[in-house]
Amino acid sequence: MLRPKLKERRKTPRHAINRVAQFHTGPGALPRSCMITDISDSGARLYCDSTMPDTFLLSLSGDGIDTRRECRVVWRLGGELGVEFVRPQL
């Protein structure tokens, strides 16, 4: 049985990345690790073993990349979550 193809709702295309990143939950809190499985100009899909707040700062560095983005969670499914970037790159 064929499933109907779902309409793409993303504003910008996502790219597979599968890289470890750090998220910061607030002043004085130690950064924790998560995995970015795909990313676009407007958001990302993350996987994390620990509970993440609804908003946080995401840091990704290495291979000539050094970026920090403020994120807002838009969906959750177990340890996976989708985030949108709420501001331009810091």
C-alpha atoms as a PDB file:
ATOM      1  CA  MET A   1       0.000   0.000   0.000  1.00  0.00           C
ATOM      2  CA  LEU A   2       1.395   3.377  -0.992  1.00  0.00           C
ATOM      3  CA  ARG A   3       1.261   6.237   1.446  1.00  0.00           C
ATOM      4  CA  PRO A   4       0.428   9.696   0.159  1.00  0.00           C
ATOM      5  CA  LYS A   5       3.475  11.953   0.071  1.00  0.00           C
ATOM      6  CA  LEU A   6       3.282  14.599   2.770  1.00  0.00           C
ATOM      7  CA  LYS A   7       3.608  18.222   1.746  1.00  0.00           C
ATOM      8  CA  GLU A   8       6.921  19.767   2.813  1.00  0.00           C
ATOM      9  CA  ARG A   9       6.125  22.522   5.330  1.00  0.00           C
ATOM     10  CA  ARG A  10       9.649  23.719   6.061  1.00  0.00           C
ATOM     11  CA  LYS A  11      10.556  27.209   4.905  1.00  0.00           C
ATOM     12  CA  THR A  12      14.128  26.244   4.026  1.00  0.00           C
ATOM     13  CA  PRO A  13      15.648  22.852   3.091  1.00  0.00           C
ATOM     14  CA  ARG A  14      17.303  20.795   5.838  1.00  0.00           C
ATOM     15  CA  HIS A  15      20.645  19.063   5.548  1.00  0.00           C
ATOM     16  CA  ALA A  16      21.788  15.946   7.425  1.00  0.00           C
ATOM     17  CA  ILE A  17      24.611  16.833   9.807  1.00  0.00           C
ATOM     18  CA  ASN A  18      24.803  14.261  12.668  1.00  0.00           C
ATOM     19  CA  ARG A  19      27.097  16.322  14.897  1.00  0.00           C
ATOM     20  CA  VAL A  20      27.415  16.753  18.640  1.00  0.00           C
ATOM     21  CA  ALA A  21      26.535  20.233  19.932  1.00  0.00           C
ATOM     22  CA  GLN A  22      26.142  21.885  23.312  1.00  0.00           C
ATOM     23  CA  PHE A  23      23.018  23.502  24.724  1.00  0.00           C
ATOM     24  CA  HIS A  24      22.954  26.076  27.483  1.00  0.00           C
ATOM     25  CA  THR A  25      19.847  26.400  29.635  1.00  0.00           C
ATOM     26  CA  GLY A  26      20.682  29.596  31.486  1.00  0.00           C
ATOM     27  CA  PRO A  27      23.264  31.706  33.277  1.00  0.00           C
ATOM     28  CA  GLY A  28      25.476  29.633  35.570  1.00  0.00           C
ATOM     29  CA  ALA A  29      24.221  26.310  34.190  1.00  0.00           C
ATOM     30  CA  LEU A  30      26.799  23.938  32.732  1.00  0.00           C
ATOM     31  CA  PRO A  31      26.407  23.176  29.020  1.00  0.00           C
ATOM     32  CA  ARG A  32      25.081  19.736  28.108  1.00  0.00           C
ATOM     33  CA  SER A  33      25.472  17.692  24.927  1.00  0.00           C
ATOM     34  CA  CYS A  34      22.931  16.866  22.253  1.00  0.00           C
ATOM     35  CA  MET A  35      23.090  15.533  18.690  1.00  0.00           C
ATOM     36  CA  ILE A  36      21.996  17.631  15.724  1.00  0.00           C
ATOM     37  CA  THR A  37      20.620  15.217  13.132  1.00  0.00           C
ATOM     38  CA  ASP A  38      19.634  17.816  10.541  1.00  0.00           C
ATOM     39  CA  ILE A  39      19.751  21.594  10.236  1.00  0.00           C
ATOM     40  CA  SER A  40      18.488  24.447   8.053  1.00  0.00           C
ATOM     41  CA  ASP A  41      18.683  28.226   8.101  1.00  0.00           C
ATOM     42  CA  SER A  42      15.500  28.359  10.196  1.00  0.00           C
ATOM     43  CA  GLY A  43      15.774  25.365  12.568  1.00  0.00           C
ATOM     44  CA  ALA A  44      17.086  21.920  13.416  1.00  0.00           C
ATOM     45  CA  ARG A  45      16.195  18.427  14.600  1.00  0.00           C
ATOM     46  CA  LEU A  46      17.980  17.411  17.796  1.00  0.00           C
ATOM     47  CA  TYR A  47      18.308  14.263  19.880  1.00  0.00           C
ATOM     48  CA  CYS A  48      19.042  14.485  23.585  1.00  0.00           C
ATOM     49  CA  ASP A  49      19.016  12.007  26.473  1.00  0.00           C
ATOM     50  CA  SER A  50      18.213  14.698  29.034  1.00  0.00           C
ATOM     51  CA  THR A  51      15.205  16.976  29.369  1.00  0.00           C
ATOM     52  CA  MET A  52      15.519  20.204  27.439  1.00  0.00           C
ATOM     53  CA  PRO A  53      13.673  23.413  28.289  1.00  0.00           C
ATOM     54  CA  ASP A  54      11.357  25.136  25.809  1.00  0.00           C
ATOM     55  CA  THR A  55      14.035  27.744  25.015  1.00  0.00           C
ATOM     56  CA  PHE A  56      17.826  27.462  25.133  1.00  0.00           C
ATOM     57  CA  LEU A  57      21.069  28.500  23.441  1.00  0.00           C
ATOM     58  CA  LEU A  58      22.587  25.959  21.017  1.00  0.00           C
ATOM     59  CA  SER A  59      26.344  26.011  20.270  1.00  0.00           C
ATOM     60  CA  LEU A  60      27.995  24.171  17.398  1.00  0.00           C
ATOM     61  CA  SER A  61      31.708  24.327  16.651  1.00  0.00           C
ATOM     62  CA  GLY A  62      34.390  22.468  14.731  1.00  0.00           C
ATOM     63  CA  ASP A  63      35.394  22.071  11.072  1.00  0.00           C
ATOM     64  CA  GLY A  64      35.505  25.845  10.647  1.00  0.00           C
ATOM     65  CA  ILE A  65      32.000  26.254  12.092  1.00  0.00           C
ATOM     66  CA  ASP A  66      31.399  28.291  15.219  1.00  0.00           C
ATOM     67  CA  THR A  67      27.783  29.249  15.680  1.00  0.00           C
ATOM     68  CA  ARG A  68      25.426  29.994  18.557  1.00  0.00           C
ATOM     69  CA  ARG A  69      21.676  30.143  18.036  1.00  0.00           C
ATOM     70  CA  GLU A  70      18.809  30.886  20.364  1.00  0.00           C
ATOM     71  CA  CYS A  71      16.230  28.085  19.954  1.00  0.00           C
ATOM     72  CA  ARG A  72      12.566  27.493  20.702  1.00  0.00           C
ATOM     73  CA  VAL A  73      11.162  23.944  20.760  1.00  0.00           C
ATOM     74  CA  VAL A  74       8.293  23.468  18.288  1.00  0.00           C
ATOM     75  CA  TRP A  75       7.753  19.704  18.681  1.00  0.00           C
ATOM     76  CA  ARG A  76       8.906  16.774  20.840  1.00  0.00           C
ATOM     77  CA  LEU A  77       8.830  13.036  20.276  1.00  0.00           C
ATOM     78  CA  GLY A  78      10.648  11.055  22.958  1.00  0.00           C
ATOM     79  CA  GLY A  79      14.284  12.165  22.911  1.00  0.00           C
ATOM     80  CA  GLU A  80      13.898  13.930  19.558  1.00  0.00           C
ATOM     81  CA  LEU A  81      12.825  17.509  19.171  1.00  0.00           C
ATOM     82  CA  GLY A  82      12.433  20.104  16.478  1.00  0.00           C
ATOM     83  CA  VAL A  83      13.562  23.644  17.151  1.00  0.00           C
ATOM     84  CA  GLU A  84      13.273  26.918  15.325  1.00  0.00           C
ATOM     85  CA  PHE A  85      15.963  29.550  15.516  1.00  0.00           C
ATOM     86  CA  VAL A  86      14.381  32.645  17.042  1.00  0.00           C
ATOM     87  CA  ARG A  87      17.099  35.170  16.196  1.00  0.00           C
ATOM     88  CA  PRO A  88      19.816  35.602  13.620  1.00  0.00           C
ATOM     89  CA  GLN A  89      23.135  33.913  14.392  1.00  0.00           C
ATOM     90  CA  LEU A  90      24.866  35.283  17.518  1.00  0.00           C
END
